[in-house]
PDB file of N, CA and C in Angstrom:
ATOM      1  N   MET A   1       0.788  -1.203  -0.006  1.00  0.00           N
ATOM      2  CA  MET A   1       0.008  -0.010   0.027  1.00  0.00           C
ATOM      3  C   MET A   1       0.867   1.255   0.004  1.00  0.00           C
ATOM      4  N   ALA A   2       1.952   1.268   0.780  1.00  0.00           N
ATOM      5  CA  ALA A   2       2.794   2.460   0.849  1.00  0.00           C
ATOM      6  C   ALA A   2       3.946   2.412  -0.148  1.00  0.00           C
ATOM      7  N   LYS A   3       4.139   1.316  -0.825  1.00  0.00           N
ATOM      8  CA  LYS A   3       5.256   1.118  -1.723  1.00  0.00           C
ATOM      9  C   LYS A   3       5.409   2.288  -2.709  1.00  0.00           C
ATOM     10  N   GLY A   4       6.561   2.923  -2.687  1.00  0.00           N
ATOM     11  CA  GLY A   4       6.838   4.024  -3.621  1.00  0.00           C
ATOM     12  C   GLY A   4       6.219   5.376  -3.199  1.00  0.00           C
ATOM     13  N   ARG A   5       5.619   5.422  -2.043  1.00  0.00           N
ATOM     14  CA  ARG A   5       4.934   6.673  -1.623  1.00  0.00           C
ATOM     15  C   ARG A   5       5.576   7.379  -0.460  1.00  0.00           C
ATOM     16  N   LEU A   6       6.663   6.814   0.069  1.00  0.00           N
ATOM     17  CA  LEU A   6       7.302   7.451   1.220  1.00  0.00           C
ATOM     18  C   LEU A   6       8.347   8.432   0.726  1.00  0.00           C
ATOM     19  N   GLY A   7       8.317   9.660   1.242  1.00  0.00           N
ATOM     20  CA  GLY A   7       9.298  10.663   0.887  1.00  0.00           C
ATOM     21  C   GLY A   7      10.315  10.870   1.961  1.00  0.00           C
ATOM     22  N   LEU A   8       9.984  10.603   3.236  1.00  0.00           N
ATOM     23  CA  LEU A   8      10.864  10.786   4.331  1.00  0.00           C
ATOM     24  C   LEU A   8      10.387   9.894   5.458  1.00  0.00           C
ATOM     25  N   VAL A   9      11.302   9.320   6.201  1.00  0.00           N
ATOM     26  CA  VAL A   9      11.001   8.561   7.372  1.00  0.00           C
ATOM     27  C   VAL A   9      11.429   9.288   8.606  1.00  0.00           C
ATOM     28  N   HIS A  10      10.547   9.472   9.551  1.00  0.00           N
ATOM     29  CA  HIS A  10      10.814  10.192  10.812  1.00  0.00           C
ATOM     30  C   HIS A  10      10.960   9.114  11.894  1.00  0.00           C
ATOM     31  N   LEU A  11      12.141   8.963  12.445  1.00  0.00           N
ATOM     32  CA  LEU A  11      12.419   7.890  13.392  1.00  0.00           C
ATOM     33  C   LEU A  11      12.503   8.403  14.833  1.00  0.00           C
ATOM     34  N   ILE A  12      11.906   7.644  15.732  1.00  0.00           N
ATOM     35  CA  ILE A  12      12.133   7.861  17.179  1.00  0.00           C
ATOM     36  C   ILE A  12      12.394   6.492  17.804  1.00  0.00           C
ATOM     37  N   ASP A  13      12.964   6.495  18.961  1.00  0.00           N
ATOM     38  CA  ASP A  13      12.974   5.338  19.806  1.00  0.00           C
ATOM     39  C   ASP A  13      12.148   5.747  21.038  1.00  0.00           C
ATOM     40  N   SER A  14      11.483   4.838  21.686  1.00  0.00           N
ATOM     41  CA  SER A  14      10.645   5.163  22.799  1.00  0.00           C
ATOM     42  C   SER A  14      10.849   4.116  23.903  1.00  0.00           C
ATOM     43  N   ASP A  15      10.854   4.589  25.143  1.00  0.00           N
ATOM     44  CA  ASP A  15      10.955   3.648  26.261  1.00  0.00           C
ATOM     45  C   ASP A  15       9.563   3.339  26.842  1.00  0.00           C
ATOM     46  N   GLY A  16       8.525   3.748  26.157  1.00  0.00           N
ATOM     47  CA  GLY A  16       7.202   3.451  26.623  1.00  0.00           C
ATOM     48  C   GLY A  16       6.578   4.406  27.612  1.00  0.00           C
ATOM     49  N   THR A  17       7.352   5.463  27.985  1.00  0.00           N
ATOM     50  CA  THR A  17       6.804   6.418  28.936  1.00  0.00           C
ATOM     51  C   THR A  17       6.327   7.680  28.207  1.00  0.00           C
ATOM     52  N   LEU A  18       5.621   8.534  28.910  1.00  0.00           N
ATOM     53  CA  LEU A  18       5.185   9.805  28.408  1.00  0.00           C
ATOM     54  C   LEU A  18       5.996  10.941  29.027  1.00  0.00           C
ATOM     55  N   ASN A  19       6.256  11.983  28.232  1.00  0.00           N
ATOM     56  CA  ASN A  19       6.971  13.135  28.818  1.00  0.00           C
ATOM     57  C   ASN A  19       5.973  14.072  29.454  1.00  0.00           C
ATOM     58  N   ASP A  20       6.431  15.198  29.967  1.00  0.00           N
ATOM     59  CA  ASP A  20       5.592  16.138  30.682  1.00  0.00           C
ATOM     60  C   ASP A  20       4.452  16.711  29.865  1.00  0.00           C
ATOM     61  N   THR A  21       4.544  16.674  28.517  1.00  0.00           N
ATOM     62  CA  THR A  21       3.492  17.191  27.666  1.00  0.00           C
ATOM     63  C   THR A  21       2.525  16.135  27.232  1.00  0.00           C
ATOM     64  N   GLY A  22       2.703  14.884  27.725  1.00  0.00           N
ATOM     65  CA  GLY A  22       1.770  13.816  27.450  1.00  0.00           C
ATOM     66  C   GLY A  22       2.036  13.063  26.162  1.00  0.00           C
ATOM     67  N   THR A  23       3.147  13.311  25.463  1.00  0.00           N
ATOM     68  CA  THR A  23       3.484  12.552  24.305  1.00  0.00           C
ATOM     69  C   THR A  23       4.592  11.538  24.636  1.00  0.00           C
ATOM     70  N   SER A  24       4.832  10.617  23.700  1.00  0.00           N
ATOM     71  CA  SER A  24       5.825   9.604  23.978  1.00  0.00           C
ATOM     72  C   SER A  24       7.200  10.172  24.189  1.00  0.00           C
ATOM     73  N   THR A  25       7.953   9.536  25.082  1.00  0.00           N
ATOM     74  CA  THR A  25       9.324   9.918  25.322  1.00  0.00           C
ATOM     75  C   THR A  25      10.176   9.463  24.161  1.00  0.00           C
ATOM     76  N   HIS A  26      10.890  10.397  23.547  1.00  0.00           N
ATOM     77  CA  HIS A  26      11.768  10.086  22.401  1.00  0.00           C
ATOM     78  C   HIS A  26      13.139   9.861  22.917  1.00  0.00           C
ATOM     79  N   ALA A  27      13.459   8.629  23.236  1.00  0.00           N
ATOM     80  CA  ALA A  27      14.745   8.251  23.824  1.00  0.00           C
ATOM     81  C   ALA A  27      15.853   8.184  22.762  1.00  0.00           C
ATOM     82  N   PRO A  28      17.110   8.291  23.195  1.00  0.00           N
ATOM     83  CA  PRO A  28      18.200   8.081  22.248  1.00  0.00           C
ATOM     84  C   PRO A  28      18.096   6.666  21.656  1.00  0.00           C
ATOM     85  N   PHE A  29      18.445   6.543  20.398  1.00  0.00           N
ATOM     86  CA  PHE A  29      18.336   5.271  19.702  1.00  0.00           C
ATOM     87  C   PHE A  29      19.105   4.181  20.404  1.00  0.00           C
ATOM     88  N   GLY A  30      18.453   3.024  20.541  1.00  0.00           N
ATOM     89  CA  GLY A  30      19.063   1.902  21.216  1.00  0.00           C
ATOM     90  C   GLY A  30      18.675   1.872  22.693  1.00  0.00           C
ATOM     91  N   GLN A  31      18.117   2.934  23.234  1.00  0.00           N
ATOM     92  CA  GLN A  31      17.758   2.939  24.670  1.00  0.00           C
ATOM     93  C   GLN A  31      16.269   2.712  24.877  1.00  0.00           C
ATOM     94  N   GLY A  32      15.490   2.552  23.804  1.00  0.00           N
ATOM     95  CA  GLY A  32      14.052   2.344  23.937  1.00  0.00           C
ATOM     96  C   GLY A  32      13.691   0.906  23.523  1.00  0.00           C
ATOM     97  N   TYR A  33      12.416   0.735  23.189  1.00  0.00           N
ATOM     98  CA  TYR A  33      11.859  -0.587  22.873  1.00  0.00           C
ATOM     99  C   TYR A  33      11.807  -0.914  21.410  1.00  0.00           C
ATOM    100  N   ILE A  34      12.085   0.062  20.538  1.00  0.00           N
ATOM    101  CA  ILE A  34      11.911  -0.174  19.104  1.00  0.00           C
ATOM    102  C   ILE A  34      12.979  -1.127  18.611  1.00  0.00           C
ATOM    103  N   ASP A  35      12.538  -2.169  17.904  1.00  0.00           N
ATOM    104  CA  ASP A  35      13.450  -3.159  17.306  1.00  0.00           C
ATOM    105  C   ASP A  35      13.760  -2.689  15.874  1.00  0.00           C
ATOM    106  N   PHE A  36      14.827  -1.879  15.736  1.00  0.00           N
ATOM    107  CA  PHE A  36      15.168  -1.304  14.434  1.00  0.00           C
ATOM    108  C   PHE A  36      15.553  -2.370  13.430  1.00  0.00           C
ATOM    109  N   ASP A  37      16.105  -3.494  13.898  1.00  0.00           N
ATOM    110  CA  ASP A  37      16.442  -4.574  12.993  1.00  0.00           C
ATOM    111  C   ASP A  37      15.211  -5.264  12.383  1.00  0.00           C
ATOM    112  N   GLU A  38      14.065  -4.976  12.958  1.00  0.00           N
ATOM    113  CA  GLU A  38      12.793  -5.439  12.340  1.00  0.00           C
ATOM    114  C   GLU A  38      12.151  -4.306  11.553  1.00  0.00           C
ATOM    115  N   VAL A  39      12.190  -3.138  12.088  1.00  0.00           N
ATOM    116  CA  VAL A  39      11.517  -1.964  11.494  1.00  0.00           C
ATOM    117  C   VAL A  39      12.162  -1.530  10.197  1.00  0.00           C
ATOM    118  N   ILE A  40      13.471  -1.366  10.162  1.00  0.00           N
ATOM    119  CA  ILE A  40      14.135  -0.799   9.007  1.00  0.00           C
ATOM    120  C   ILE A  40      13.984  -1.681   7.767  1.00  0.00           C
ATOM    121  N   PRO A  41      14.200  -2.991   7.842  1.00  0.00           N
ATOM    122  CA  PRO A  41      13.951  -3.816   6.671  1.00  0.00           C
ATOM    123  C   PRO A  41      12.497  -3.735   6.134  1.00  0.00           C
ATOM    124  N   ALA A  42      11.547  -3.610   7.084  1.00  0.00           N
ATOM    125  CA  ALA A  42      10.170  -3.455   6.651  1.00  0.00           C
ATOM    126  C   ALA A  42       9.938  -2.144   5.880  1.00  0.00           C
ATOM    127  N   ILE A  43      10.552  -1.042   6.396  1.00  0.00           N
ATOM    128  CA  ILE A  43      10.415   0.224   5.714  1.00  0.00           C
ATOM    129  C   ILE A  43      11.071   0.148   4.327  1.00  0.00           C
ATOM    130  N   LEU A  44      12.210  -0.479   4.222  1.00  0.00           N
ATOM    131  CA  LEU A  44      12.917  -0.540   2.960  1.00  0.00           C
ATOM    132  C   LEU A  44      12.285  -1.540   1.991  1.00  0.00           C
ATOM    133  N   ASN A  45      11.973  -2.714   2.456  1.00  0.00           N
ATOM    134  CA  ASN A  45      11.512  -3.794   1.569  1.00  0.00           C
ATOM    135  C   ASN A  45      10.005  -3.782   1.345  1.00  0.00           C
ATOM    136  N   VAL A  46       9.216  -3.518   2.339  1.00  0.00           N
ATOM    137  CA  VAL A  46       7.770  -3.532   2.177  1.00  0.00           C
ATOM    138  C   VAL A  46       7.304  -2.188   1.639  1.00  0.00           C
ATOM    139  N   ALA A  47       7.754  -1.108   2.234  1.00  0.00           N
ATOM    140  CA  ALA A  47       7.304   0.212   1.824  1.00  0.00           C
ATOM    141  C   ALA A  47       8.107   0.760   0.636  1.00  0.00           C
ATOM    142  N   GLY A  48       9.258   0.167   0.362  1.00  0.00           N
ATOM    143  CA  GLY A  48      10.094   0.591  -0.790  1.00  0.00           C
ATOM    144  C   GLY A  48      10.761   1.917  -0.588  1.00  0.00           C
ATOM    145  N   TYR A  49      11.119   2.279   0.635  1.00  0.00           N
ATOM    146  CA  TYR A  49      11.833   3.526   0.866  1.00  0.00           C
ATOM    147  C   TYR A  49      13.236   3.368   0.271  1.00  0.00           C
ATOM    148  N   GLU A  50      13.647   4.347  -0.554  1.00  0.00           N
ATOM    149  CA  GLU A  50      14.860   4.180  -1.369  1.00  0.00           C
ATOM    150  C   GLU A  50      15.932   5.240  -1.121  1.00  0.00           C
ATOM    151  N   THR A  51      15.994   5.766   0.067  1.00  0.00           N
ATOM    152  CA  THR A  51      17.045   6.766   0.358  1.00  0.00           C
ATOM    153  C   THR A  51      17.620   6.477   1.707  1.00  0.00           C
ATOM    154  N   ASP A  52      18.789   7.044   1.950  1.00  0.00           N
ATOM    155  CA  ASP A  52      19.421   6.845   3.314  1.00  0.00           C
ATOM    156  C   ASP A  52      19.198   8.048   4.178  1.00  0.00           C
ATOM    157  N   TRP A  53      18.248   8.904   3.900  1.00  0.00           N
ATOM    158  CA  TRP A  53      17.895  10.071   4.693  1.00  0.00           C
ATOM    159  C   TRP A  53      16.855   9.685   5.713  1.00  0.00           C
ATOM    160  N   TRP A  54      17.083  10.005   6.951  1.00  0.00           N
ATOM    161  CA  TRP A  54      16.174   9.690   8.074  1.00  0.00           C
ATOM    162  C   TRP A  54      16.101  10.954   8.980  1.00  0.00           C
ATOM    163  N   ALA A  55      14.928  11.275   9.494  1.00  0.00           N
ATOM    164  CA  ALA A  55      14.782  12.342  10.468  1.00  0.00           C
ATOM    165  C   ALA A  55      14.906  11.742  11.845  1.00  0.00           C
ATOM    166  N   ILE A  56      15.808  12.244  12.625  1.00  0.00           N
ATOM    167  CA  ILE A  56      16.070  11.756  13.994  1.00  0.00           C
ATOM    168  C   ILE A  56      15.352  12.691  14.936  1.00  0.00           C
ATOM    169  N   ASP A  57      14.486  12.175  15.806  1.00  0.00           N
ATOM    170  CA  ASP A  57      13.688  13.016  16.697  1.00  0.00           C
ATOM    171  C   ASP A  57      14.014  12.692  18.164  1.00  0.00           C
ATOM    172  N   LEU A  58      14.550  13.697  18.845  1.00  0.00           N
ATOM    173  CA  LEU A  58      14.810  13.553  20.288  1.00  0.00           C
ATOM    174  C   LEU A  58      14.011  14.604  21.070  1.00  0.00           C
ATOM    175  N   CYS A  59      12.837  14.924  20.567  1.00  0.00           N
ATOM    176  CA  CYS A  59      11.990  15.968  21.120  1.00  0.00           C
ATOM    177  C   CYS A  59      11.835  15.825  22.617  1.00  0.00           C
ATOM    178  N   GLU A  60      12.166  16.902  23.287  1.00  0.00           N
ATOM    179  CA  GLU A  60      12.020  17.042  24.753  1.00  0.00           C
ATOM    180  C   GLU A  60      12.936  16.073  25.558  1.00  0.00           C
ATOM    181  N   TRP A  61      13.930  15.455  24.891  1.00  0.00           N
ATOM    182  CA  TRP A  61      14.897  14.617  25.630  1.00  0.00           C
ATOM    183  C   TRP A  61      15.861  15.537  26.294  1.00  0.00           C
ATOM    184  N   PRO A  62      16.108  15.348  27.626  1.00  0.00           N
ATOM    185  CA  PRO A  62      17.111  16.183  28.275  1.00  0.00           C
ATOM    186  C   PRO A  62      18.492  15.996  27.628  1.00  0.00           C
ATOM    187  N   ASN A  63      19.198  17.063  27.349  1.00  0.00           N
ATOM    188  CA  ASN A  63      20.516  17.023  26.801  1.00  0.00           C
ATOM    189  C   ASN A  63      20.519  16.367  25.396  1.00  0.00           C
ATOM    190  N   ALA A  64      19.490  16.641  24.581  1.00  0.00           N
ATOM    191  CA  ALA A  64      19.358  16.053  23.281  1.00  0.00           C
ATOM    192  C   ALA A  64      20.620  16.332  22.402  1.00  0.00           C
ATOM    193  N   TRP A  65      21.166  17.529  22.493  1.00  0.00           N
ATOM    194  CA  TRP A  65      22.329  17.805  21.667  1.00  0.00           C
ATOM    195  C   TRP A  65      23.496  16.915  22.004  1.00  0.00           C
ATOM    196  N   GLU A  66      23.585  16.605  23.319  1.00  0.00           N
ATOM    197  CA  GLU A  66      24.718  15.772  23.761  1.00  0.00           C
ATOM    198  C   GLU A  66      24.619  14.316  23.252  1.00  0.00           C
ATOM    199  N   VAL A  67      23.429  13.816  22.967  1.00  0.00           N
ATOM    200  CA  VAL A  67      23.264  12.422  22.490  1.00  0.00           C
ATOM    201  C   VAL A  67      23.010  12.379  20.978  1.00  0.00           C
ATOM    202  N   ALA A  68      22.914  13.530  20.333  1.00  0.00           N
ATOM    203  CA  ALA A  68      22.579  13.540  18.899  1.00  0.00           C
ATOM    204  C   ALA A  68      23.609  12.836  18.046  1.00  0.00           C
ATOM    205  N   GLU A  69      24.893  13.034  18.358  1.00  0.00           N
ATOM    206  CA  GLU A  69      25.960  12.372  17.569  1.00  0.00           C
ATOM    207  C   GLU A  69      25.873  10.821  17.726  1.00  0.00           C
ATOM    208  N   GLU A  70      25.643  10.379  18.949  1.00  0.00           N
ATOM    209  CA  GLU A  70      25.442   8.938  19.177  1.00  0.00           C
ATOM    210  C   GLU A  70      24.274   8.418  18.385  1.00  0.00           C
ATOM    211  N   CYS A  71      23.195   9.158  18.308  1.00  0.00           N
ATOM    212  CA  CYS A  71      22.028   8.699  17.513  1.00  0.00           C
ATOM    213  C   CYS A  71      22.330   8.715  16.032  1.00  0.00           C
ATOM    214  N   PHE A  72      23.079   9.708  15.576  1.00  0.00           N
ATOM    215  CA  PHE A  72      23.500   9.717  14.161  1.00  0.00           C
ATOM    216  C   PHE A  72      24.311   8.485  13.816  1.00  0.00           C
ATOM    217  N   LYS A  73      25.227   8.139  14.710  1.00  0.00           N
ATOM    218  CA  LYS A  73      26.045   6.912  14.452  1.00  0.00           C
ATOM    219  C   LYS A  73      25.176   5.662  14.416  1.00  0.00           C
ATOM    220  N   PHE A  74      24.211   5.606  15.280  1.00  0.00           N
ATOM    221  CA  PHE A  74      23.277   4.477  15.317  1.00  0.00           C
ATOM    222  C   PHE A  74      22.549   4.347  13.979  1.00  0.00           C
ATOM    223  N   VAL A  75      21.990   5.449  13.507  1.00  0.00           N
ATOM    224  CA  VAL A  75      21.297   5.449  12.223  1.00  0.00           C
ATOM    225  C   VAL A  75      22.257   5.184  11.044  1.00  0.00           C
ATOM    226  N   ASP A  76      23.447   5.712  11.143  1.00  0.00           N
ATOM    227  CA  ASP A  76      24.437   5.485  10.103  1.00  0.00           C
ATOM    228  C   ASP A  76      24.737   3.949   9.974  1.00  0.00           C
ATOM    229  N   LEU A  77      24.878   3.303  11.114  1.00  0.00           N
ATOM    230  CA  LEU A  77      25.085   1.827  11.119  1.00  0.00           C
ATOM    231  C   LEU A  77      23.872   1.109  10.492  1.00  0.00           C
ATOM    232  N   LEU A  78      22.661   1.601  10.763  1.00  0.00           N
ATOM    233  CA  LEU A  78      21.481   0.995  10.148  1.00  0.00           C
ATOM    234  C   LEU A  78      21.550   1.183   8.633  1.00  0.00           C
ATOM    235  N   ASN A  79      21.960   2.374   8.150  1.00  0.00           N
ATOM    236  CA  ASN A  79      22.074   2.648   6.752  1.00  0.00           C
ATOM    237  C   ASN A  79      23.050   1.689   6.123  1.00  0.00           C
ATOM    238  N   ARG A  80      24.204   1.524   6.738  1.00  0.00           N
ATOM    239  CA  ARG A  80      25.234   0.649   6.188  1.00  0.00           C
ATOM    240  C   ARG A  80      24.753  -0.806   6.129  1.00  0.00           C
ATOM    241  N   LYS A  81      23.975  -1.202   7.134  1.00  0.00           N
ATOM    242  CA  LYS A  81      23.515  -2.586   7.240  1.00  0.00           C
ATOM    243  C   LYS A  81      22.385  -2.871   6.263  1.00  0.00           C
ATOM    244  N   TYR A  82      21.467  -1.940   6.043  1.00  0.00           N
ATOM    245  CA  TYR A  82      20.250  -2.232   5.298  1.00  0.00           C
ATOM    246  C   TYR A  82      20.042  -1.485   3.986  1.00  0.00           C
ATOM    247  N   CYS A  83      20.644  -0.319   3.839  1.00  0.00           N
ATOM    248  CA  CYS A  83      20.370   0.495   2.634  1.00  0.00           C
ATOM    249  C   CYS A  83      21.265   0.039   1.502  1.00  0.00           C
ATOM    250  N   LYS A  84      20.709   0.142   0.314  1.00  0.00           N
ATOM    251  CA  LYS A  84      21.462  -0.168  -0.904  1.00  0.00           C
ATOM    252  C   LYS A  84      22.366   1.018  -1.239  1.00  0.00           C
ATOM    253  N   ASP A  85      23.456   0.749  -1.932  1.00  0.00           N
ATOM    254  CA  ASP A  85      24.329   1.846  -2.337  1.00  0.00           C
ATOM    255  C   ASP A  85      23.726   2.623  -3.479  1.00  0.00           C
TER     256      ASP A  85
END
């Protein structure tokens, strides 16, 4: 249904809690419950996403700038593992 229709993927990891504004906590990648080894192949293979651009969301995470580089490295490893050249 979504094949060929995705222009951008917006990624978060979540630990299942809510922040002070009542939305999901956007934890640094690898610290939440999201199984990216299951999600990323589904996005690429089922939905046909064909780029290595991903939006990383750390909304309202304390010290988000301090963990942003770690999250970028996490996503870069996913790109290397699953994205085509």
